[in-house]
Amino acid sequence: MKLLIVDDDEQIRSGMEQGIDWAALDIEEVVTASNGLEAMIQFTEHMPEIVVTDVRMPGMDGLELLERIKEIKSETRVVILSGYNEFEYLKKAIQLDAVDYEMKPIRVRNFIALIQKIKEYSEADIAGHLFSRLQELD
């Protein structure tokens, strides 16, 4: 399985890439991008099954990236990261078929558990999970 990490904050990006034992999670390849435009290049080259992206970035934000990824490979599981607890961003992400969202600062244990769950989700699981997450926000 492949994973793409997208964040304009280099410290967050490299921390996620290097601070987690991805091999233990059966993630064979981890690629990174510093913005949405770079992420589209990485996505088309590597076709990862999971994408973790910041919502606010220059050039192309995480929501537009999510939309474009889903047009290319709809089964890709996308997690939105946000430093802001903004209901409208998160609601839009869910409407665009994001699998989940994670608030910054990221808690490594929770994030690892989230990635493990995402790998095990069926399509029905995702729909039910997103509905419950949306209700939490409301």
N, C-alpha and C. Protein backbone atom coordinates (compact mmCIF):
# COMPACT_ATOMS: atom_id res chain seq x y z
N MET A 1 0.84 -1.17 0.00
CA MET A 1 0.00 0.00 0.00
C MET A 1 0.89 1.25 0.00
N LYS A 2 0.41 2.32 -0.66
CA LYS A 2 1.17 3.56 -0.76
C LYS A 2 0.41 4.69 -0.08
N LEU A 3 1.17 5.66 0.44
CA LEU A 3 0.61 6.80 1.16
C LEU A 3 1.26 8.08 0.68
N LEU A 4 0.44 9.11 0.48
CA LEU A 4 0.93 10.44 0.11
C LEU A 4 0.59 11.41 1.24
N ILE A 5 1.60 12.13 1.74
CA ILE A 5 1.42 13.15 2.78
C ILE A 5 1.60 14.51 2.14
N VAL A 6 0.60 15.40 2.31
CA VAL A 6 0.65 16.72 1.70
C VAL A 6 0.45 17.78 2.79
N ASP A 7 1.46 18.62 2.97
CA ASP A 7 1.35 19.70 3.94
C ASP A 7 2.39 20.75 3.59
N ASP A 8 2.01 22.02 3.65
CA ASP A 8 2.97 23.08 3.33
C ASP A 8 3.94 23.34 4.47
N ASP A 9 3.70 22.76 5.63
CA ASP A 9 4.60 22.89 6.77
C ASP A 9 5.60 21.72 6.72
N GLU A 10 6.85 22.03 6.41
CA GLU A 10 7.88 21.01 6.23
C GLU A 10 8.07 20.17 7.49
N GLN A 11 7.98 20.79 8.64
CA GLN A 11 8.18 20.08 9.89
C GLN A 11 7.09 19.03 10.11
N ILE A 12 5.86 19.37 9.82
CA ILE A 12 4.75 18.42 9.95
C ILE A 12 4.92 17.29 8.94
N ARG A 13 5.22 17.67 7.71
CA ARG A 13 5.37 16.70 6.62
C ARG A 13 6.48 15.69 6.92
N SER A 14 7.66 16.19 7.26
CA SER A 14 8.77 15.27 7.52
C SER A 14 8.57 14.51 8.83
N GLY A 15 7.94 15.15 9.80
CA GLY A 15 7.65 14.46 11.06
C GLY A 15 6.74 13.26 10.85
N MET A 16 5.72 13.44 10.03
CA MET A 16 4.81 12.33 9.74
C MET A 16 5.53 11.25 8.92
N GLU A 17 6.32 11.68 7.96
CA GLU A 17 7.01 10.72 7.09
C GLU A 17 8.03 9.89 7.87
N GLN A 18 8.82 10.56 8.70
CA GLN A 18 9.93 9.89 9.37
C GLN A 18 9.61 9.42 10.79
N GLY A 19 8.57 9.98 11.39
CA GLY A 19 8.28 9.68 12.79
C GLY A 19 7.35 8.50 13.02
N ILE A 20 6.90 7.88 11.94
CA ILE A 20 5.98 6.74 12.06
C ILE A 20 6.60 5.54 11.35
N ASP A 21 6.49 4.38 11.97
CA ASP A 21 7.00 3.14 11.37
C ASP A 21 5.96 2.64 10.37
N TRP A 22 6.03 3.18 9.15
CA TRP A 22 5.04 2.86 8.12
C TRP A 22 5.08 1.40 7.72
N ALA A 23 6.26 0.80 7.71
CA ALA A 23 6.38 -0.62 7.35
C ALA A 23 5.57 -1.50 8.30
N ALA A 24 5.54 -1.12 9.57
CA ALA A 24 4.75 -1.88 10.56
C ALA A 24 3.26 -1.80 10.27
N LEU A 25 2.85 -0.78 9.51
CA LEU A 25 1.45 -0.61 9.14
C LEU A 25 1.17 -1.15 7.73
N ASP A 26 2.14 -1.86 7.17
CA ASP A 26 2.05 -2.41 5.81
C ASP A 26 1.92 -1.32 4.75
N ILE A 27 2.55 -0.18 4.99
CA ILE A 27 2.64 0.88 3.99
C ILE A 27 4.04 0.76 3.40
N GLU A 28 4.11 0.35 2.14
CA GLU A 28 5.42 0.09 1.52
C GLU A 28 6.10 1.35 1.03
N GLU A 29 5.30 2.36 0.66
CA GLU A 29 5.88 3.57 0.08
C GLU A 29 5.17 4.80 0.64
N VAL A 30 5.98 5.77 1.07
CA VAL A 30 5.45 7.05 1.55
C VAL A 30 6.10 8.14 0.71
N VAL A 31 5.27 8.96 0.07
CA VAL A 31 5.76 10.10 -0.69
C VAL A 31 5.15 11.35 -0.10
N THR A 32 5.81 12.48 -0.32
CA THR A 32 5.33 13.73 0.27
C THR A 32 5.25 14.81 -0.80
N ALA A 33 4.46 15.84 -0.46
CA ALA A 33 4.34 17.01 -1.32
C ALA A 33 4.10 18.22 -0.42
N SER A 34 4.59 19.38 -0.86
CA SER A 34 4.49 20.59 -0.05
C SER A 34 3.27 21.44 -0.38
N ASN A 35 2.54 21.07 -1.43
CA ASN A 35 1.32 21.81 -1.79
C ASN A 35 0.46 20.94 -2.70
N GLY A 36 -0.73 21.42 -3.02
CA GLY A 36 -1.65 20.64 -3.82
C GLY A 36 -1.18 20.39 -5.24
N LEU A 37 -0.50 21.37 -5.82
CA LEU A 37 -0.01 21.20 -7.20
C LEU A 37 1.05 20.10 -7.27
N GLU A 38 1.99 20.15 -6.34
CA GLU A 38 3.02 19.11 -6.26
C GLU A 38 2.38 17.76 -5.94
N ALA A 39 1.36 17.78 -5.11
CA ALA A 39 0.66 16.54 -4.72
C ALA A 39 0.02 15.86 -5.93
N MET A 40 -0.53 16.65 -6.84
CA MET A 40 -1.14 16.06 -8.04
C MET A 40 -0.10 15.33 -8.88
N ILE A 41 1.08 15.87 -8.96
CA ILE A 41 2.17 15.21 -9.69
C ILE A 41 2.53 13.90 -9.00
N GLN A 42 2.73 13.97 -7.68
CA GLN A 42 3.06 12.77 -6.91
C GLN A 42 1.95 11.73 -7.00
N PHE A 43 0.71 12.20 -6.94
CA PHE A 43 -0.43 11.28 -6.99
C PHE A 43 -0.46 10.53 -8.31
N THR A 44 -0.33 11.23 -9.41
CA THR A 44 -0.40 10.57 -10.72
C THR A 44 0.80 9.66 -10.97
N GLU A 45 1.94 9.98 -10.39
CA GLU A 45 3.13 9.13 -10.55
C GLU A 45 3.05 7.86 -9.70
N HIS A 46 2.53 7.97 -8.47
CA HIS A 46 2.58 6.86 -7.52
C HIS A 46 1.23 6.18 -7.28
N MET A 47 0.13 6.86 -7.57
CA MET A 47 -1.23 6.35 -7.36
C MET A 47 -1.42 5.71 -5.97
N PRO A 48 -1.20 6.49 -4.91
CA PRO A 48 -1.34 5.93 -3.56
C PRO A 48 -2.79 5.59 -3.24
N GLU A 49 -2.96 4.63 -2.35
CA GLU A 49 -4.29 4.24 -1.89
C GLU A 49 -4.81 5.19 -0.81
N ILE A 50 -3.87 5.82 -0.07
CA ILE A 50 -4.24 6.74 1.02
C ILE A 50 -3.52 8.07 0.81
N VAL A 51 -4.27 9.17 0.97
CA VAL A 51 -3.69 10.51 0.91
C VAL A 51 -4.07 11.24 2.19
N VAL A 52 -3.08 11.85 2.82
CA VAL A 52 -3.30 12.67 4.01
C VAL A 52 -2.91 14.08 3.61
N THR A 53 -3.88 15.02 3.66
CA THR A 53 -3.58 16.37 3.18
C THR A 53 -4.09 17.45 4.11
N ASP A 54 -3.29 18.48 4.21
CA ASP A 54 -3.69 19.69 4.92
C ASP A 54 -4.81 20.34 4.12
N VAL A 55 -5.70 21.05 4.80
CA VAL A 55 -6.81 21.70 4.09
C VAL A 55 -6.39 23.05 3.52
N ARG A 56 -5.58 23.81 4.25
CA ARG A 56 -5.16 25.14 3.80
C ARG A 56 -3.73 25.12 3.33
N MET A 57 -3.56 25.34 2.00
CA MET A 57 -2.23 25.37 1.41
C MET A 57 -2.25 26.36 0.25
N PRO A 58 -1.10 26.94 -0.08
CA PRO A 58 -1.05 27.84 -1.24
C PRO A 58 -1.16 27.06 -2.55
N GLY A 59 -1.62 27.72 -3.59
CA GLY A 59 -1.69 27.10 -4.91
C GLY A 59 -2.96 26.31 -5.13
N MET A 60 -3.11 25.24 -4.41
CA MET A 60 -4.31 24.41 -4.47
C MET A 60 -4.57 23.89 -3.07
N ASP A 61 -5.74 24.20 -2.52
CA ASP A 61 -6.00 23.75 -1.15
C ASP A 61 -6.37 22.27 -1.12
N GLY A 62 -6.48 21.73 0.08
CA GLY A 62 -6.75 20.31 0.26
C GLY A 62 -8.10 19.87 -0.27
N LEU A 63 -9.08 20.76 -0.26
CA LEU A 63 -10.41 20.39 -0.76
C LEU A 63 -10.40 20.24 -2.28
N GLU A 64 -9.72 21.15 -2.97
CA GLU A 64 -9.60 21.03 -4.42
C GLU A 64 -8.78 19.80 -4.77
N LEU A 65 -7.73 19.55 -4.01
CA LEU A 65 -6.91 18.35 -4.23
C LEU A 65 -7.76 17.10 -4.06
N LEU A 66 -8.55 17.05 -3.01
CA LEU A 66 -9.45 15.92 -2.76
C LEU A 66 -10.38 15.70 -3.96
N GLU A 67 -10.96 16.77 -4.45
CA GLU A 67 -11.88 16.68 -5.58
C GLU A 67 -11.18 16.12 -6.83
N ARG A 68 -9.99 16.61 -7.11
CA ARG A 68 -9.24 16.15 -8.29
C ARG A 68 -8.80 14.69 -8.16
N ILE A 69 -8.36 14.32 -6.96
CA ILE A 69 -7.96 12.93 -6.72
C ILE A 69 -9.13 11.99 -6.97
N LYS A 70 -10.30 12.35 -6.46
CA LYS A 70 -11.48 11.50 -6.61
C LYS A 70 -11.90 11.37 -8.07
N GLU A 71 -11.62 12.39 -8.89
CA GLU A 71 -11.92 12.30 -10.32
C GLU A 71 -11.01 11.30 -11.01
N ILE A 72 -9.79 11.17 -10.52
CA ILE A 72 -8.81 10.27 -11.13
C ILE A 72 -8.96 8.85 -10.61
N LYS A 73 -9.08 8.71 -9.30
CA LYS A 73 -9.12 7.39 -8.66
C LYS A 73 -10.07 7.48 -7.46
N SER A 74 -11.33 7.21 -7.71
CA SER A 74 -12.38 7.44 -6.71
C SER A 74 -12.22 6.61 -5.44
N GLU A 75 -11.56 5.47 -5.53
CA GLU A 75 -11.42 4.62 -4.34
C GLU A 75 -10.30 5.05 -3.40
N THR A 76 -9.55 6.08 -3.76
CA THR A 76 -8.49 6.59 -2.89
C THR A 76 -9.10 7.10 -1.60
N ARG A 77 -8.49 6.74 -0.50
CA ARG A 77 -8.96 7.16 0.83
C ARG A 77 -8.20 8.44 1.20
N VAL A 78 -8.93 9.54 1.43
CA VAL A 78 -8.31 10.82 1.71
C VAL A 78 -8.68 11.27 3.12
N VAL A 79 -7.66 11.64 3.89
CA VAL A 79 -7.83 12.19 5.24
C VAL A 79 -7.44 13.66 5.17
N ILE A 80 -8.28 14.52 5.70
CA ILE A 80 -8.03 15.95 5.73
C ILE A 80 -7.42 16.33 7.08
N LEU A 81 -6.36 17.11 7.05
CA LEU A 81 -5.75 17.66 8.27
C LEU A 81 -6.11 19.13 8.36
N SER A 82 -6.39 19.59 9.56
CA SER A 82 -6.69 21.01 9.73
C SER A 82 -6.24 21.50 11.09
N GLY A 83 -5.68 22.68 11.09
CA GLY A 83 -5.33 23.34 12.33
C GLY A 83 -6.48 24.18 12.85
N TYR A 84 -7.56 24.20 12.10
CA TYR A 84 -8.72 25.01 12.42
C TYR A 84 -9.95 24.12 12.55
N ASN A 85 -10.71 24.32 13.58
CA ASN A 85 -11.92 23.54 13.78
C ASN A 85 -13.07 24.28 13.09
N GLU A 86 -13.01 24.30 11.75
CA GLU A 86 -14.00 25.02 10.98
C GLU A 86 -14.99 24.04 10.37
N PHE A 87 -16.21 24.11 10.84
CA PHE A 87 -17.25 23.19 10.43
C PHE A 87 -17.44 23.16 8.92
N GLU A 88 -17.43 24.29 8.27
CA GLU A 88 -17.70 24.33 6.82
C GLU A 88 -16.62 23.60 6.01
N TYR A 89 -15.35 23.75 6.40
CA TYR A 89 -14.28 23.02 5.72
C TYR A 89 -14.49 21.51 5.87
N LEU A 90 -14.76 21.10 7.09
CA LEU A 90 -14.90 19.68 7.37
C LEU A 90 -16.15 19.11 6.72
N LYS A 91 -17.23 19.88 6.73
CA LYS A 91 -18.46 19.44 6.07
C LYS A 91 -18.22 19.26 4.57
N LYS A 92 -17.54 20.22 3.95
CA LYS A 92 -17.23 20.15 2.53
C LYS A 92 -16.34 18.94 2.23
N ALA A 93 -15.37 18.68 3.09
CA ALA A 93 -14.47 17.53 2.90
C ALA A 93 -15.26 16.23 2.91
N ILE A 94 -16.19 16.12 3.81
CA ILE A 94 -17.01 14.91 3.89
C ILE A 94 -17.90 14.80 2.65
N GLN A 95 -18.46 15.93 2.21
CA GLN A 95 -19.28 15.92 1.00
C GLN A 95 -18.47 15.49 -0.23
N LEU A 96 -17.18 15.81 -0.22
CA LEU A 96 -16.30 15.43 -1.33
C LEU A 96 -15.73 14.02 -1.18
N ASP A 97 -16.21 13.30 -0.16
CA ASP A 97 -15.86 11.89 0.04
C ASP A 97 -14.53 11.68 0.75
N ALA A 98 -14.17 12.60 1.64
CA ALA A 98 -13.01 12.35 2.50
C ALA A 98 -13.38 11.20 3.44
N VAL A 99 -12.40 10.42 3.81
CA VAL A 99 -12.63 9.31 4.72
C VAL A 99 -12.75 9.80 6.16
N ASP A 100 -11.94 10.80 6.51
CA ASP A 100 -11.93 11.30 7.88
C ASP A 100 -11.16 12.61 7.90
N TYR A 101 -11.09 13.20 9.07
CA TYR A 101 -10.27 14.39 9.28
C TYR A 101 -9.55 14.25 10.60
N GLU A 102 -8.45 14.95 10.70
CA GLU A 102 -7.65 14.93 11.92
C GLU A 102 -7.25 16.36 12.22
N MET A 103 -7.44 16.76 13.46
CA MET A 103 -7.07 18.10 13.87
C MET A 103 -5.59 18.15 14.23
N LYS A 104 -4.94 19.25 13.86
CA LYS A 104 -3.56 19.51 14.26
C LYS A 104 -3.58 20.15 15.64
N PRO A 105 -2.60 19.95 16.47
CA PRO A 105 -1.47 19.05 16.27
C PRO A 105 -1.92 17.59 16.29
N ILE A 106 -1.30 16.80 15.46
CA ILE A 106 -1.65 15.39 15.31
C ILE A 106 -1.13 14.61 16.51
N ARG A 107 -1.98 13.78 17.04
CA ARG A 107 -1.57 12.85 18.10
C ARG A 107 -1.21 11.53 17.41
N VAL A 108 0.05 11.14 17.52
CA VAL A 108 0.58 10.03 16.74
C VAL A 108 -0.22 8.75 16.95
N ARG A 109 -0.52 8.38 18.18
CA ARG A 109 -1.27 7.14 18.44
C ARG A 109 -2.63 7.16 17.75
N ASN A 110 -3.34 8.29 17.88
CA ASN A 110 -4.66 8.41 17.24
C ASN A 110 -4.53 8.34 15.73
N PHE A 111 -3.50 8.98 15.20
CA PHE A 111 -3.30 9.00 13.76
C PHE A 111 -2.98 7.60 13.23
N ILE A 112 -2.13 6.87 13.93
CA ILE A 112 -1.80 5.50 13.53
C ILE A 112 -3.06 4.63 13.57
N ALA A 113 -3.85 4.77 14.62
CA ALA A 113 -5.10 4.01 14.71
C ALA A 113 -6.04 4.36 13.56
N LEU A 114 -6.08 5.63 13.20
CA LEU A 114 -6.91 6.07 12.08
C LEU A 114 -6.45 5.42 10.77
N ILE A 115 -5.17 5.40 10.51
CA ILE A 115 -4.64 4.78 9.29
C ILE A 115 -4.97 3.28 9.28
N GLN A 116 -4.83 2.62 10.42
CA GLN A 116 -5.16 1.20 10.50
C GLN A 116 -6.64 0.97 10.18
N LYS A 117 -7.52 1.82 10.74
CA LYS A 117 -8.95 1.69 10.47
C LYS A 117 -9.25 1.92 8.99
N ILE A 118 -8.63 2.92 8.41
CA ILE A 118 -8.87 3.24 7.01
C ILE A 118 -8.50 2.06 6.11
N LYS A 119 -7.44 1.39 6.43
CA LYS A 119 -7.03 0.25 5.63
C LYS A 119 -8.06 -0.87 5.69
N GLU A 120 -8.80 -0.96 6.78
CA GLU A 120 -9.76 -2.04 6.97
C GLU A 120 -11.18 -1.69 6.52
N TYR A 121 -11.45 -0.41 6.28
CA TYR A 121 -12.79 0.03 5.93
C TYR A 121 -13.30 -0.56 4.63
N SER A 122 -14.56 -0.93 4.64
CA SER A 122 -15.27 -1.21 3.39
C SER A 122 -15.99 0.08 3.02
N GLU A 123 -16.57 0.14 1.85
CA GLU A 123 -17.29 1.34 1.43
C GLU A 123 -18.45 1.64 2.39
N ALA A 124 -19.16 0.63 2.84
CA ALA A 124 -20.28 0.83 3.77
C ALA A 124 -19.79 1.39 5.10
N ASP A 125 -18.65 0.88 5.55
CA ASP A 125 -18.06 1.38 6.80
C ASP A 125 -17.74 2.86 6.69
N ILE A 126 -17.18 3.27 5.55
CA ILE A 126 -16.80 4.66 5.34
C ILE A 126 -18.02 5.56 5.40
N ALA A 127 -19.08 5.19 4.71
CA ALA A 127 -20.30 6.00 4.69
C ALA A 127 -20.85 6.18 6.11
N GLY A 128 -20.93 5.11 6.87
CA GLY A 128 -21.44 5.19 8.24
C GLY A 128 -20.54 6.00 9.14
N HIS A 129 -19.23 5.82 8.98
CA HIS A 129 -18.26 6.55 9.79
C HIS A 129 -18.35 8.05 9.52
N LEU A 130 -18.42 8.42 8.26
CA LEU A 130 -18.50 9.84 7.91
C LEU A 130 -19.77 10.48 8.44
N PHE A 131 -20.87 9.75 8.36
CA PHE A 131 -22.13 10.29 8.87
C PHE A 131 -22.02 10.56 10.37
N SER A 132 -21.42 9.65 11.11
CA SER A 132 -21.28 9.86 12.55
C SER A 132 -20.31 11.00 12.85
N ARG A 133 -19.24 11.16 12.07
CA ARG A 133 -18.30 12.26 12.27
C ARG A 133 -18.96 13.59 11.99
N LEU A 134 -19.80 13.66 10.96
CA LEU A 134 -20.51 14.88 10.63
C LEU A 134 -21.46 15.27 11.75
N GLN A 135 -22.12 14.29 12.34
CA GLN A 135 -23.01 14.57 13.45
C GLN A 135 -22.25 15.12 14.66
N GLU A 136 -21.03 14.66 14.87
CA GLU A 136 -20.19 15.17 15.96
C GLU A 136 -19.92 16.65 15.78
N LEU A 137 -19.78 17.08 14.52
CA LEU A 137 -19.43 18.47 14.22
C LEU A 137 -20.64 19.41 14.37
N ASP A 138 -21.81 18.89 14.12
CA ASP A 138 -23.01 19.71 14.08
C ASP A 138 -23.43 20.26 15.41
